[in-house]
N, C-alpha and C. Protein backbone atom coordinates (compact mmCIF):
# COMPACT_ATOMS: atom_id res chain seq x y z
N MET A 1 0.39 -1.16 -0.14
CA MET A 1 -0.18 -0.41 -0.33
C MET A 1 0.59 1.18 -0.30
N ASN A 2 0.46 2.25 -1.22
CA ASN A 2 1.23 3.48 -0.41
C ASN A 2 0.75 4.33 0.23
N ARG A 3 2.10 4.62 0.92
CA ARG A 3 1.48 5.45 1.42
C ARG A 3 0.58 7.23 1.40
N THR A 4 -0.72 7.77 0.89
CA THR A 4 -0.79 9.00 0.71
C THR A 4 -1.32 10.39 1.13
N ALA A 5 -0.67 11.43 0.85
CA ALA A 5 -1.72 12.56 1.70
C ALA A 5 -2.67 12.40 1.86
N SER A 6 -3.60 12.76 2.61
CA SER A 6 -5.02 13.75 3.37
C SER A 6 -5.04 14.84 3.60
N ASP A 7 -6.29 15.89 3.29
CA ASP A 7 -6.95 17.23 4.33
C ASP A 7 -6.63 16.99 5.89
N ASP A 8 -6.63 15.66 5.89
CA ASP A 8 -6.66 15.77 7.64
C ASP A 8 -6.23 14.42 8.10
N GLY A 9 -4.89 14.49 7.65
CA GLY A 9 -3.42 13.99 8.20
C GLY A 9 -3.64 12.52 8.01
N ARG A 10 -4.50 11.73 7.76
CA ARG A 10 -4.36 10.56 7.91
C ARG A 10 -3.95 9.56 6.31
N ASP A 11 -3.21 8.84 7.11
CA ASP A 11 -2.56 7.24 6.02
C ASP A 11 -3.78 7.51 5.13
N ARG A 12 -4.31 6.99 3.96
CA ARG A 12 -4.79 6.17 2.96
C ARG A 12 -4.46 5.70 2.01
N ASP A 13 -4.97 4.63 1.77
CA ASP A 13 -4.93 3.46 0.88
C ASP A 13 -5.50 4.30 -1.22
N ASP A 14 -4.74 3.49 -1.95
CA ASP A 14 -4.48 3.70 -2.82
C ASP A 14 -5.80 4.26 -3.16
N GLU A 15 -6.83 3.83 -2.91
CA GLU A 15 -8.26 4.12 -3.19
C GLU A 15 -8.85 5.34 -2.12
N GLY A 16 -8.08 5.69 -1.13
CA GLY A 16 -8.12 7.33 -0.99
C GLY A 16 -9.19 6.92 1.06
N ARG A 17 -9.53 5.25 1.34
CA ARG A 17 -9.87 4.77 2.42
C ARG A 17 -8.39 4.79 3.42
N ALA A 18 -9.10 5.70 4.80
CA ALA A 18 -7.93 5.67 5.75
C ALA A 18 -7.92 4.21 6.20
N ARG A 19 -6.44 3.84 6.86
CA ARG A 19 -5.21 2.93 6.50
C ARG A 19 -4.55 3.10 6.91
N SER A 20 -3.84 2.82 8.06
CA SER A 20 -2.63 3.40 8.72
C SER A 20 -1.15 2.27 7.63
N ALA A 21 -0.57 3.50 6.93
CA ALA A 21 0.88 3.16 6.34
C ALA A 21 1.89 2.93 6.54
N ARG A 22 1.70 1.97 8.43
CA ARG A 22 3.11 2.29 9.09
C ARG A 22 2.85 0.80 8.62
N PRO A 23 4.50 0.29 8.58
CA PRO A 23 4.54 -1.07 7.74
C PRO A 23 4.59 -1.81 9.79
N ARG A 24 3.83 -2.78 9.91
CA ARG A 24 3.49 -3.95 11.00
C ARG A 24 4.16 -5.46 11.09
N ASP A 25 4.96 -5.77 12.27
CA ASP A 25 5.43 -7.34 12.35
C ASP A 25 4.12 -8.43 12.21
N GLY A 26 5.10 -9.02 12.11
CA GLY A 26 4.66 -10.72 11.87
C GLY A 26 2.91 -10.87 13.15
N LEU A 27 2.87 -10.40 13.85
CA LEU A 27 1.73 -9.92 14.82
C LEU A 27 1.13 -8.57 14.81
N GLY A 28 0.74 -7.93 13.53
CA GLY A 28 0.06 -6.69 13.71
C GLY A 28 0.65 -5.32 14.48
N ARG A 29 1.51 -5.83 14.81
CA ARG A 29 2.84 -4.79 15.30
C ARG A 29 3.10 -3.39 14.84
N PRO A 30 2.30 -2.49 15.32
CA PRO A 30 2.44 -0.77 14.08
C PRO A 30 4.48 -0.77 14.21
N LEU A 31 5.31 -0.44 13.11
CA LEU A 31 6.85 -0.07 13.40
C LEU A 31 6.64 0.85 12.79
N PRO A 32 8.02 1.15 13.18
CA PRO A 32 8.35 3.09 12.63
C PRO A 32 8.18 2.97 11.64
N TYR A 33 7.69 4.52 11.05
CA TYR A 33 7.89 4.42 9.49
C TYR A 33 8.94 4.05 8.89
N GLY A 34 9.79 3.66 7.83
CA GLY A 34 10.68 3.20 6.83
C GLY A 34 10.98 1.98 7.29
N ALA A 35 10.55 1.35 8.25
CA ALA A 35 11.21 -0.01 8.94
C ALA A 35 10.67 -1.43 7.57
N GLU A 36 11.30 -2.18 8.29
CA GLU A 36 10.91 -3.50 7.24
C GLU A 36 10.63 -4.16 7.76
N GLY A 37 8.81 -4.50 7.55
CA GLY A 37 7.99 -5.42 8.10
C GLY A 37 6.96 -6.28 7.33
N VAL A 38 6.47 -6.48 7.61
CA VAL A 38 5.91 -8.32 6.64
C VAL A 38 3.88 -7.16 6.15
N PRO A 39 3.89 -7.75 4.98
CA PRO A 39 3.25 -6.97 3.81
C PRO A 39 1.55 -7.18 4.36
N ARG A 40 0.76 -6.25 4.45
CA ARG A 40 -0.44 -6.49 5.10
C ARG A 40 -1.11 -7.07 4.32
N GLN A 41 -2.03 -7.74 4.58
CA GLN A 41 -3.42 -8.21 3.60
C GLN A 41 -3.94 -7.26 3.00
N PRO A 42 -4.35 -7.52 1.70
CA PRO A 42 -5.35 -6.29 1.06
C PRO A 42 -6.68 -6.52 1.55
N GLU A 43 -7.19 -5.35 1.64
CA GLU A 43 -9.06 -5.24 2.36
C GLU A 43 -9.30 -4.75 0.93
N GLY A 44 -10.54 -6.12 1.25
CA GLY A 44 -11.97 -6.03 0.67
C GLY A 44 -11.92 -7.40 -0.57
N VAL A 45 -11.39 -8.00 -0.86
CA VAL A 45 -10.60 -9.19 -1.88
C VAL A 45 -11.66 -10.16 -1.06
N VAL A 46 -12.05 -10.28 -2.68
CA VAL A 46 -13.47 -11.28 -2.79
C VAL A 46 -12.85 -12.54 -2.97
N ARG A 47 -13.26 -13.80 -1.76
CA ARG A 47 -12.87 -15.29 -2.22
C ARG A 47 -14.00 -16.80 -1.99
N THR A 48 -13.71 -17.17 -2.84
CA THR A 48 -14.64 -18.40 -2.12
C THR A 48 -14.35 -19.35 -0.83
N PRO A 49 -15.38 -19.68 -0.18
CA PRO A 49 -14.71 -20.25 1.16
C PRO A 49 -13.32 -21.21 0.51
N GLU A 50 -13.32 -21.91 0.09
CA GLU A 50 -11.87 -22.79 -0.19
C GLU A 50 -10.75 -22.06 -0.13
N GLU A 51 -10.77 -20.65 -0.79
CA GLU A 51 -9.56 -19.76 -0.95
C GLU A 51 -9.51 -19.07 0.36
N THR A 52 -10.24 -18.82 1.23
CA THR A 52 -10.43 -17.75 2.63
C THR A 52 -10.13 -18.79 3.15
N LEU A 53 -9.70 -20.16 3.43
CA LEU A 53 -9.68 -21.30 4.42
C LEU A 53 -8.38 -21.66 4.02
N ARG A 54 -8.18 -21.74 3.36
CA ARG A 54 -6.33 -22.32 2.40
C ARG A 54 -5.35 -20.69 2.58
N GLU A 55 -5.61 -19.70 2.43
CA GLU A 55 -5.12 -19.09 2.75
C GLU A 55 -4.87 -17.99 4.29
N ALA A 56 -5.92 -17.91 5.26
CA ALA A 56 -5.95 -18.20 6.28
C ALA A 56 -5.10 -18.64 7.34
N GLN A 57 -5.25 -20.52 6.78
CA GLN A 57 -4.45 -21.43 7.16
C GLN A 57 -3.12 -21.49 7.01
N ARG A 58 -2.03 -20.97 6.19
CA ARG A 58 -1.08 -20.49 5.53
C ARG A 58 -0.87 -19.55 6.58
N LEU A 59 -1.55 -18.81 6.58
CA LEU A 59 -0.32 -17.30 7.76
C LEU A 59 -1.10 -18.08 8.84
N LEU A 60 -1.94 -18.80 9.39
CA LEU A 60 -1.85 -19.30 10.62
C LEU A 60 -0.53 -20.11 11.01
N ASP A 61 -0.56 -20.54 9.91
CA ASP A 61 0.83 -21.94 10.25
C ASP A 61 2.24 -20.68 10.48
N ALA A 62 1.93 -19.88 9.39
CA ALA A 62 3.34 -19.19 9.28
C ALA A 62 3.77 -17.82 10.45
N GLY A 63 2.59 -18.34 11.38
CA GLY A 63 2.40 -18.04 12.96
C GLY A 63 1.97 -15.97 12.68
N MET A 64 1.50 -15.39 11.62
CA MET A 64 0.24 -14.76 11.82
C MET A 64 -0.54 -14.44 11.76
N PRO A 65 -1.54 -14.83 12.98
CA PRO A 65 -2.60 -14.90 12.85
C PRO A 65 -3.57 -13.48 13.00
N PHE A 66 -3.18 -12.29 12.84
CA PHE A 66 -3.11 -11.04 12.99
C PHE A 66 -3.49 -10.37 11.57
N HIS A 67 -3.03 -11.19 10.20
CA HIS A 67 -3.18 -11.37 9.41
C HIS A 67 -4.05 -12.32 8.67
N ALA A 68 -4.37 -13.48 9.16
CA ALA A 68 -5.56 -13.82 9.00
C ALA A 68 -6.41 -13.53 9.37
N HIS A 69 -6.45 -13.04 10.42
CA HIS A 69 -8.35 -12.69 10.75
C HIS A 69 -8.71 -11.67 9.08
N GLU A 70 -7.78 -10.78 9.06
CA GLU A 70 -8.22 -9.85 8.32
C GLU A 70 -8.97 -10.58 7.13
N VAL A 71 -8.34 -11.90 6.49
CA VAL A 71 -8.67 -13.10 5.35
C VAL A 71 -10.05 -13.26 5.82
N PHE A 72 -10.44 -13.74 7.75
CA PHE A 72 -12.19 -14.12 7.79
C PHE A 72 -12.62 -12.52 7.02
N GLU A 73 -11.93 -11.27 7.90
CA GLU A 73 -12.77 -10.64 7.61
C GLU A 73 -13.26 -9.59 6.21
N ASP A 74 -12.44 -10.20 5.45
CA ASP A 74 -13.09 -10.12 4.55
C ASP A 74 -14.17 -10.77 3.98
N ALA A 75 -14.24 -12.21 4.47
CA ALA A 75 -14.78 -13.35 3.84
C ALA A 75 -16.75 -12.61 4.53
N TRP A 76 -16.59 -12.47 5.71
CA TRP A 76 -18.38 -12.21 6.49
C TRP A 76 -18.19 -11.06 6.07
N LYS A 77 -17.11 -9.99 5.57
CA LYS A 77 -17.95 -8.54 5.15
C LYS A 77 -18.46 -8.40 3.82
N SER A 78 -17.85 -9.34 3.12
CA SER A 78 -18.70 -10.27 1.21
C SER A 78 -19.24 -10.97 1.66
N GLY A 79 -19.50 -11.68 2.59
CA GLY A 79 -20.30 -13.37 2.41
C GLY A 79 -22.06 -13.14 2.98
N PRO A 80 -22.53 -13.90 2.78
CA PRO A 80 -23.98 -13.85 3.04
C PRO A 80 -24.31 -13.74 4.44
N GLU A 81 -25.40 -13.02 5.09
CA GLU A 81 -26.06 -12.84 6.03
C GLU A 81 -25.73 -13.89 7.02
N SER A 82 -25.81 -15.56 6.38
CA SER A 82 -26.43 -16.22 7.30
C SER A 82 -25.19 -16.67 7.72
N GLU A 83 -23.81 -17.00 7.55
CA GLU A 83 -22.52 -17.23 6.75
C GLU A 83 -21.57 -15.72 8.07
N ARG A 84 -22.11 -14.86 8.95
CA ARG A 84 -21.32 -14.07 9.26
C ARG A 84 -20.91 -14.47 10.17
N ASP A 85 -21.84 -14.85 11.52
CA ASP A 85 -21.22 -15.56 12.91
C ASP A 85 -20.27 -16.68 12.61
N LEU A 86 -20.21 -17.59 11.00
CA LEU A 86 -18.87 -18.85 11.30
C LEU A 86 -17.48 -17.55 10.78
N TRP A 87 -17.93 -16.31 10.05
CA TRP A 87 -16.19 -15.79 10.10
C TRP A 87 -15.87 -14.95 10.56
N GLN A 88 -16.92 -14.26 11.64
CA GLN A 88 -16.64 -13.34 12.81
C GLN A 88 -16.60 -13.80 13.76
N GLY A 89 -16.37 -14.97 14.44
CA GLY A 89 -16.35 -16.62 15.29
C GLY A 89 -14.26 -15.86 14.64
N LEU A 90 -14.07 -17.14 13.66
CA LEU A 90 -13.64 -16.91 13.31
C LEU A 90 -12.11 -16.07 13.32
N ALA A 91 -13.31 -14.98 12.29
CA ALA A 91 -11.98 -13.91 13.11
C ALA A 91 -11.56 -13.23 14.67
N GLN A 92 -12.82 -14.03 15.50
CA GLN A 92 -12.23 -13.99 16.88
C GLN A 92 -11.01 -14.42 17.35
N LEU A 93 -11.03 -15.74 16.61
CA LEU A 93 -10.61 -16.63 17.10
C LEU A 93 -9.08 -16.31 16.91
N ALA A 94 -9.06 -15.76 15.74
CA ALA A 94 -7.43 -15.44 15.11
C ALA A 94 -6.70 -14.47 15.92
N VAL A 95 -7.64 -12.98 16.34
CA VAL A 95 -7.11 -11.98 16.99
C VAL A 95 -7.58 -12.14 18.67
N GLY A 96 -8.26 -13.23 18.52
CA GLY A 96 -7.88 -13.42 20.31
C GLY A 96 -6.16 -14.27 20.36
N LEU A 97 -5.44 -15.69 19.24
CA LEU A 97 -4.26 -16.03 19.00
C LEU A 97 -3.54 -14.72 19.02
N THR A 98 -4.01 -13.77 18.21
CA THR A 98 -2.60 -12.72 17.96
C THR A 98 -2.15 -11.92 19.32
N HIS A 99 -3.79 -11.59 20.00
CA HIS A 99 -3.42 -10.90 21.63
C HIS A 99 -2.30 -11.20 22.67
N ALA A 100 -2.59 -12.88 22.42
CA ALA A 100 -1.97 -13.74 23.34
C ALA A 100 -0.53 -14.24 23.28
N ALA A 101 -0.29 -14.04 21.67
CA ALA A 101 1.17 -14.35 21.44
C ALA A 101 2.16 -12.89 21.49
N ARG A 102 0.86 -11.60 21.86
CA ARG A 102 1.87 -10.22 21.70
C ARG A 102 2.02 -10.26 23.61
N GLY A 103 1.46 -11.50 24.05
CA GLY A 103 1.28 -11.41 25.75
C GLY A 103 0.33 -10.67 26.41
N ASN A 104 -0.82 -10.62 25.29
CA ASN A 104 -2.08 -9.71 26.05
C ASN A 104 -2.99 -10.50 26.80
N THR A 105 -2.10 -11.85 27.60
CA THR A 105 -3.52 -12.89 27.54
C THR A 105 -4.49 -12.94 27.99
N ALA A 106 -4.74 -11.86 29.29
CA ALA A 106 -6.43 -11.64 29.36
C ALA A 106 -6.85 -11.26 28.55
N GLY A 107 -6.18 -10.41 27.65
CA GLY A 107 -7.26 -10.28 26.52
C GLY A 107 -7.50 -11.02 25.41
N GLY A 108 -7.19 -12.21 25.34
CA GLY A 108 -6.56 -13.13 24.13
C GLY A 108 -7.35 -14.63 24.78
N ALA A 109 -7.38 -14.23 26.23
CA ALA A 109 -8.20 -15.28 26.53
C ALA A 109 -10.18 -14.99 25.99
N ARG A 110 -10.84 -13.88 26.42
CA ARG A 110 -11.74 -13.27 26.40
C ARG A 110 -12.04 -13.25 24.49
N LEU A 111 -11.42 -12.95 24.16
CA LEU A 111 -11.45 -12.91 22.40
C LEU A 111 -12.08 -14.60 21.67
N LEU A 112 -10.85 -15.37 22.82
CA LEU A 112 -10.32 -16.78 21.89
C LEU A 112 -12.24 -17.07 22.82
N ARG A 113 -12.70 -17.12 24.11
CA ARG A 113 -13.67 -17.43 24.78
C ARG A 113 -14.87 -16.85 23.77
N ARG A 114 -14.80 -15.78 23.60
CA ARG A 114 -15.61 -14.71 22.04
C ARG A 114 -16.21 -15.52 21.69
N GLY A 115 -14.91 -15.65 20.51
CA GLY A 115 -15.03 -16.59 19.30
C GLY A 115 -15.86 -17.96 19.07
N ALA A 116 -14.99 -19.16 20.16
CA ALA A 116 -16.11 -19.83 20.36
C ALA A 116 -17.20 -19.99 20.45
N ASP A 117 -18.12 -18.90 21.47
CA ASP A 117 -18.76 -18.88 21.45
C ASP A 117 -20.07 -18.71 20.81
N ARG A 118 -19.55 -18.52 20.08
CA ARG A 118 -20.50 -17.45 18.64
C ARG A 118 -19.91 -18.34 17.37
N LEU A 119 -18.83 -19.52 17.51
CA LEU A 119 -18.82 -20.55 16.62
C LEU A 119 -19.88 -21.41 17.40
N ALA A 120 -20.26 -22.07 17.83
CA ALA A 120 -20.83 -22.75 18.92
C ALA A 120 -22.03 -22.24 19.00
N GLY A 121 -23.03 -21.23 18.38
CA GLY A 121 -24.45 -20.92 19.17
C GLY A 121 -24.63 -19.71 18.39
N GLY A 122 -23.46 -20.00 16.92
CA GLY A 122 -24.54 -18.09 16.06
C GLY A 122 -25.19 -19.50 15.68
N PRO A 123 -25.90 -18.57 15.17
CA PRO A 123 -26.90 -19.02 13.87
C PRO A 123 -26.14 -19.53 12.95
N GLY A 124 -26.88 -20.73 12.06
CA GLY A 124 -25.99 -20.60 10.74
C GLY A 124 -24.51 -21.60 11.04
N SER A 125 -24.04 -21.48 11.83
CA SER A 125 -22.33 -21.17 12.11
C SER A 125 -21.82 -22.86 12.09
N VAL A 126 -22.91 -23.53 12.50
CA VAL A 126 -22.37 -25.41 12.67
C VAL A 126 -23.11 -25.57 10.99
N GLU A 127 -24.05 -25.29 10.66
CA GLU A 127 -24.91 -24.87 9.14
C GLU A 127 -22.97 -25.31 8.16
N ALA A 128 -22.49 -23.84 8.23
CA ALA A 128 -22.23 -23.33 7.64
C ALA A 128 -20.15 -23.83 7.36
N ALA A 129 -19.89 -24.47 8.79
CA ALA A 129 -19.05 -24.97 8.93
C ALA A 129 -18.93 -26.39 8.37
N ALA A 130 -19.94 -27.49 8.94
CA ALA A 130 -20.54 -28.58 8.00
C ALA A 130 -20.47 -28.61 6.46
N ALA A 131 -20.62 -27.32 6.04
CA ALA A 131 -20.44 -27.45 4.41
C ALA A 131 -19.11 -27.18 4.10
N TYR A 132 -18.58 -26.34 5.14
CA TYR A 132 -16.67 -26.19 3.99
C TYR A 132 -16.25 -27.48 4.66
N GLY A 133 -16.49 -27.81 5.29
CA GLY A 133 -15.38 -29.19 6.28
C GLY A 133 -14.66 -28.26 7.22
N ILE A 134 -15.75 -27.28 7.72
CA ILE A 134 -14.40 -26.51 9.19
C ILE A 134 -14.48 -27.39 10.22
N ASP A 135 -13.76 -27.87 11.01
CA ASP A 135 -13.78 -28.53 12.09
C ASP A 135 -14.20 -27.59 13.09
N ALA A 136 -15.76 -26.93 13.59
CA ALA A 136 -15.72 -26.54 14.43
C ALA A 136 -15.77 -26.92 15.65
N GLY A 137 -16.71 -27.78 15.74
CA GLY A 137 -16.03 -28.50 17.84
C GLY A 137 -14.89 -28.44 18.02
N GLY A 138 -13.70 -28.83 17.50
CA GLY A 138 -12.42 -29.01 17.39
C GLY A 138 -12.24 -27.52 17.72
N LEU A 139 -12.18 -26.72 16.36
CA LEU A 139 -12.13 -25.07 16.65
C LEU A 139 -12.71 -24.28 17.73
N VAL A 140 -13.79 -24.98 18.54
CA VAL A 140 -14.25 -23.94 19.85
C VAL A 140 -13.44 -24.96 20.79
N ALA A 141 -13.31 -26.18 20.49
CA ALA A 141 -12.51 -27.33 22.27
C ALA A 141 -10.84 -26.57 22.48
N TRP A 142 -9.77 -26.48 21.09
CA TRP A 142 -8.83 -25.69 21.13
C TRP A 142 -8.92 -24.55 21.68
N ALA A 143 -10.07 -23.07 21.25
CA ALA A 143 -9.62 -22.11 21.76
C ALA A 143 -10.14 -21.91 23.19
N ARG A 144 -11.31 -22.02 23.33
CA ARG A 144 -11.51 -22.79 25.03
C ARG A 144 -10.17 -23.36 25.75
N GLU A 145 -9.03 -24.63 25.03
CA GLU A 145 -8.25 -24.78 26.26
C GLU A 145 -7.10 -24.15 26.52
N LEU A 146 -6.79 -22.98 25.30
CA LEU A 146 -5.87 -21.93 24.98
C LEU A 146 -6.49 -20.91 25.75
N ALA A 147 -7.94 -20.08 26.03
CA ALA A 147 -7.77 -19.28 26.81
C ALA A 147 -7.88 -19.77 28.09
N ASP A 148 -8.59 -20.81 28.45
CA ASP A 148 -7.92 -21.42 29.80
C ASP A 148 -6.63 -21.13 30.57
N ARG A 149 -5.99 -21.40 29.41
CA ARG A 149 -4.06 -22.16 30.16
C ARG A 149 -3.66 -20.56 29.46
N ALA A 150 -3.83 -19.94 29.01
CA ALA A 150 -3.13 -18.76 28.82
C ALA A 150 -3.68 -17.43 29.74
N ALA A 151 -4.85 -17.18 30.28
CA ALA A 151 -5.56 -17.09 31.80
C ALA A 151 -4.48 -17.44 33.28
N VAL A 152 -4.74 -18.79 32.70
CA VAL A 152 -3.50 -18.92 34.09
C VAL A 152 -2.24 -18.67 33.50
N ASP A 153 -1.93 -18.51 32.80
CA ASP A 153 0.25 -18.13 32.37
C ASP A 153 -0.40 -16.72 33.10
N GLY A 154 -1.44 -16.31 32.77
CA GLY A 154 -0.96 -14.64 32.91
C GLY A 154 -1.43 -14.61 34.23
N GLU A 155 -2.08 -15.09 35.25
CA GLU A 155 -1.99 -15.11 36.09
C GLU A 155 -1.07 -15.42 37.11
N ALA A 156 -0.13 -16.26 36.51
CA ALA A 156 0.76 -16.89 37.34
C ALA A 156 2.42 -15.88 36.99
N GLY A 157 2.37 -15.74 35.66
CA GLY A 157 2.99 -15.05 35.29
C GLY A 157 2.88 -13.54 36.16
N GLU A 158 1.90 -12.64 37.00
CA GLU A 158 1.50 -12.02 37.43
C GLU A 158 2.12 -12.06 39.14
N ALA A 159 1.83 -13.07 39.65
CA ALA A 159 1.93 -13.64 41.36
C ALA A 159 3.70 -13.75 41.40
N GLU A 160 4.43 -13.99 40.15
CA GLU A 160 5.67 -14.60 40.20
C GLU A 160 6.28 -13.32 39.93
N GLY A 161 5.88 -11.71 38.93
CA GLY A 161 6.72 -10.41 39.36
C GLY A 161 6.17 -9.91 41.04
N ALA A 162 4.89 -10.34 41.36
CA ALA A 162 4.68 -9.40 42.71
C ALA A 162 5.59 -9.49 43.98
N ASP A 163 5.69 -11.43 44.19
CA ASP A 163 6.77 -12.36 45.02
C ASP A 163 8.29 -11.64 44.39
N ALA A 164 8.20 -11.55 43.44
CA ALA A 164 9.69 -11.42 43.52
C ALA A 164 10.36 -9.50 43.16
N GLY A 165 9.23 -8.62 43.83
CA GLY A 165 9.52 -7.50 43.66
C GLY A 165 9.83 -6.24 44.54
N GLY A 166 9.82 -7.36 45.86
CA GLY A 166 10.78 -7.31 46.53
C GLY A 166 10.67 -5.90 47.60
N GLY A 167 9.45 -5.49 48.90
CA GLY A 167 9.00 -4.24 49.14
C GLY A 167 9.59 -4.11 49.56
N ALA A 168 9.28 -3.06 50.32
CA ALA A 168 9.72 -2.41 51.49
C ALA A 168 10.93 -3.18 52.69
N ASP A 169 9.64 -4.13 53.21
CA ASP A 169 9.67 -5.46 54.41
C ASP A 169 10.99 -6.47 53.94
N SER A 170 10.78 -6.08 52.97
CA SER A 170 11.44 -7.04 52.53
C SER A 170 13.24 -6.62 51.83
N GLY A 171 13.86 -5.72 51.95
CA GLY A 171 14.10 -4.49 51.98
C GLY A 171 14.98 -4.76 50.63
N GLY A 172 13.77 -4.73 49.73
CA GLY A 172 14.36 -4.53 48.46
C GLY A 172 14.24 -3.38 47.53
N GLY A 173 15.28 -2.65 47.55
CA GLY A 173 16.02 -1.72 46.78
C GLY A 173 16.62 -1.62 46.48
N ALA A 174 17.72 -0.82 45.09
CA ALA A 174 18.53 -0.83 44.80
C ALA A 174 19.56 -1.10 44.22
N ASP A 175 19.94 -1.32 46.03
CA ASP A 175 21.58 -2.36 46.06
C ASP A 175 21.23 -4.11 46.45
N SER A 176 19.91 -4.05 46.50
CA SER A 176 19.42 -5.37 46.96
C SER A 176 19.04 -6.64 45.78
N GLY A 177 18.79 -5.79 44.58
CA GLY A 177 18.18 -5.91 43.33
C GLY A 177 17.14 -6.34 43.00
N GLY A 178 15.95 -5.13 43.99
CA GLY A 178 14.51 -4.91 43.60
C GLY A 178 14.39 -4.73 42.20
N GLY A 179 14.30 -3.79 41.49
CA GLY A 179 14.72 -3.92 40.36
C GLY A 179 14.55 -5.03 39.60
N SER A 180 15.27 -5.97 39.96
CA SER A 180 14.67 -7.47 38.74
C SER A 180 13.25 -7.90 39.18
N GLY A 181 12.76 -7.84 40.04
CA GLY A 181 11.52 -8.34 40.33
C GLY A 181 10.98 -7.18 39.98
N ALA A 182 10.30 -6.26 39.63
CA ALA A 182 9.78 -5.13 38.85
C ALA A 182 10.04 -4.97 37.52
N ALA A 183 11.44 -5.28 36.64
CA ALA A 183 11.18 -6.48 35.48
C ALA A 183 10.35 -7.73 34.97
N ALA A 184 10.59 -8.38 36.53
CA ALA A 184 10.09 -9.53 36.07
C ALA A 184 8.27 -9.35 36.06
N ALA A 185 7.46 -8.36 37.09
CA ALA A 185 6.29 -7.89 37.01
C ALA A 185 5.71 -7.72 35.13
N ALA A 186 6.56 -7.03 34.98
CA ALA A 186 6.37 -6.21 34.02
C ALA A 186 6.40 -6.91 32.48
N ARG A 187 7.15 -8.39 32.83
CA ARG A 187 7.65 -8.72 31.36
C ARG A 187 6.06 -10.16 31.32
N PRO A 188 5.69 -10.13 30.09
CA PRO A 188 4.55 -10.57 29.98
C PRO A 188 4.73 -12.46 29.24
N VAL A 189 3.50 -12.95 29.93
CA VAL A 189 3.95 -14.12 29.26
C VAL A 189 3.06 -14.81 28.15
N VAL A 190 3.87 -14.86 27.34
CA VAL A 190 3.28 -14.86 25.53
C VAL A 190 2.87 -16.77 25.59
N VAL A 191 2.38 -16.85 24.14
CA VAL A 191 2.38 -18.74 23.31
C VAL A 191 3.36 -18.23 21.66
N ASP A 192 3.30 -19.12 21.44
CA ASP A 192 4.21 -19.22 20.41
C ASP A 192 2.81 -19.42 19.47
N ALA A 193 2.22 -17.94 18.70
CA ALA A 193 1.61 -18.41 17.58
C ALA A 193 1.12 -18.93 16.75
N ALA A 194 2.49 -19.82 16.15
CA ALA A 194 3.22 -20.49 14.99
C ALA A 194 2.89 -21.93 15.77
N SER A 195 2.82 -22.64 16.59
CA SER A 195 3.28 -23.11 17.68
C SER A 195 1.80 -23.58 17.95
N GLU A 196 0.67 -23.29 17.67
CA GLU A 196 -0.33 -22.92 18.72
C GLU A 196 -1.24 -23.71 17.80
N ALA A 197 -0.92 -23.04 16.29
CA ALA A 197 -2.07 -22.69 15.31
C ALA A 197 -2.98 -23.73 15.37
N PRO A 198 -4.38 -23.25 14.93
CA PRO A 198 -5.36 -24.29 14.74
C PRO A 198 -5.53 -24.77 13.54
N ARG A 199 -6.25 -26.26 13.47
CA ARG A 199 -7.15 -27.01 11.63
C ARG A 199 -7.68 -26.00 11.64
N LEU A 200 -8.07 -25.81 10.69
CA LEU A 200 -9.59 -25.11 10.35
C LEU A 200 -10.29 -26.16 9.43
N ARG A 201 -9.63 -27.20 8.85
CA ARG A 201 -9.99 -28.10 7.59
C ARG A 201 -10.25 -29.29 8.90
N LEU A 202 -11.45 -30.30 8.66
CA LEU A 202 -11.40 -31.79 9.36
C LEU A 202 -10.00 -32.74 8.69
N ASP A 203 -10.29 -31.99 7.19
CA ASP A 203 -8.84 -33.13 6.34
C ASP A 203 -7.45 -33.20 6.38
N ARG A 204 -7.25 -31.41 6.69
CA ARG A 204 -5.80 -31.40 7.81
C ARG A 204 -5.15 -32.32 8.85
N ALA A 205 -4.62 -32.73 9.23
CA ALA A 205 -3.43 -33.84 9.66
C ALA A 205 -3.25 -32.57 10.74
């Protein structure tokens, strides 16, 4: 995407739509202008369900769930209303994995559970998933298991940081190395996006 100027000072794409031109890393985090990032997914691409699933799986396997969510977003925006819950649910799973991989375990867990609920109970989700060979049951189980694990890991990381913080009673000052406890408290617990990538289709090993 080319960075173009606009009257309001916002980045816009070649068609004039507002979209940040800052490069992003594999998890969608903005990088400084001029840095070498990962190419963004083009917006508004109309794909068949087969193409959507194939491209999203490729991105998930590569550890780029943020980019996979953009593919699912195109699907629910361009697809029939009856399939919206399916594609929105899949997009939420991808965003949840993105947040968990960034270290935002609480936010990731919430989105994973929300996406799982949408896949499990959204009108038309089960029927559409079955029609496209999507392993809805497996994805719901995967999302809820990862959400539970991420939430527990996040709480454990916070507790570990607090215990190592070294307060006034423990004499944790600059000379005693109390600063390392603060660093531990600030260090997020993350998951590896590629190794945690789910299988979207029943016919994939």
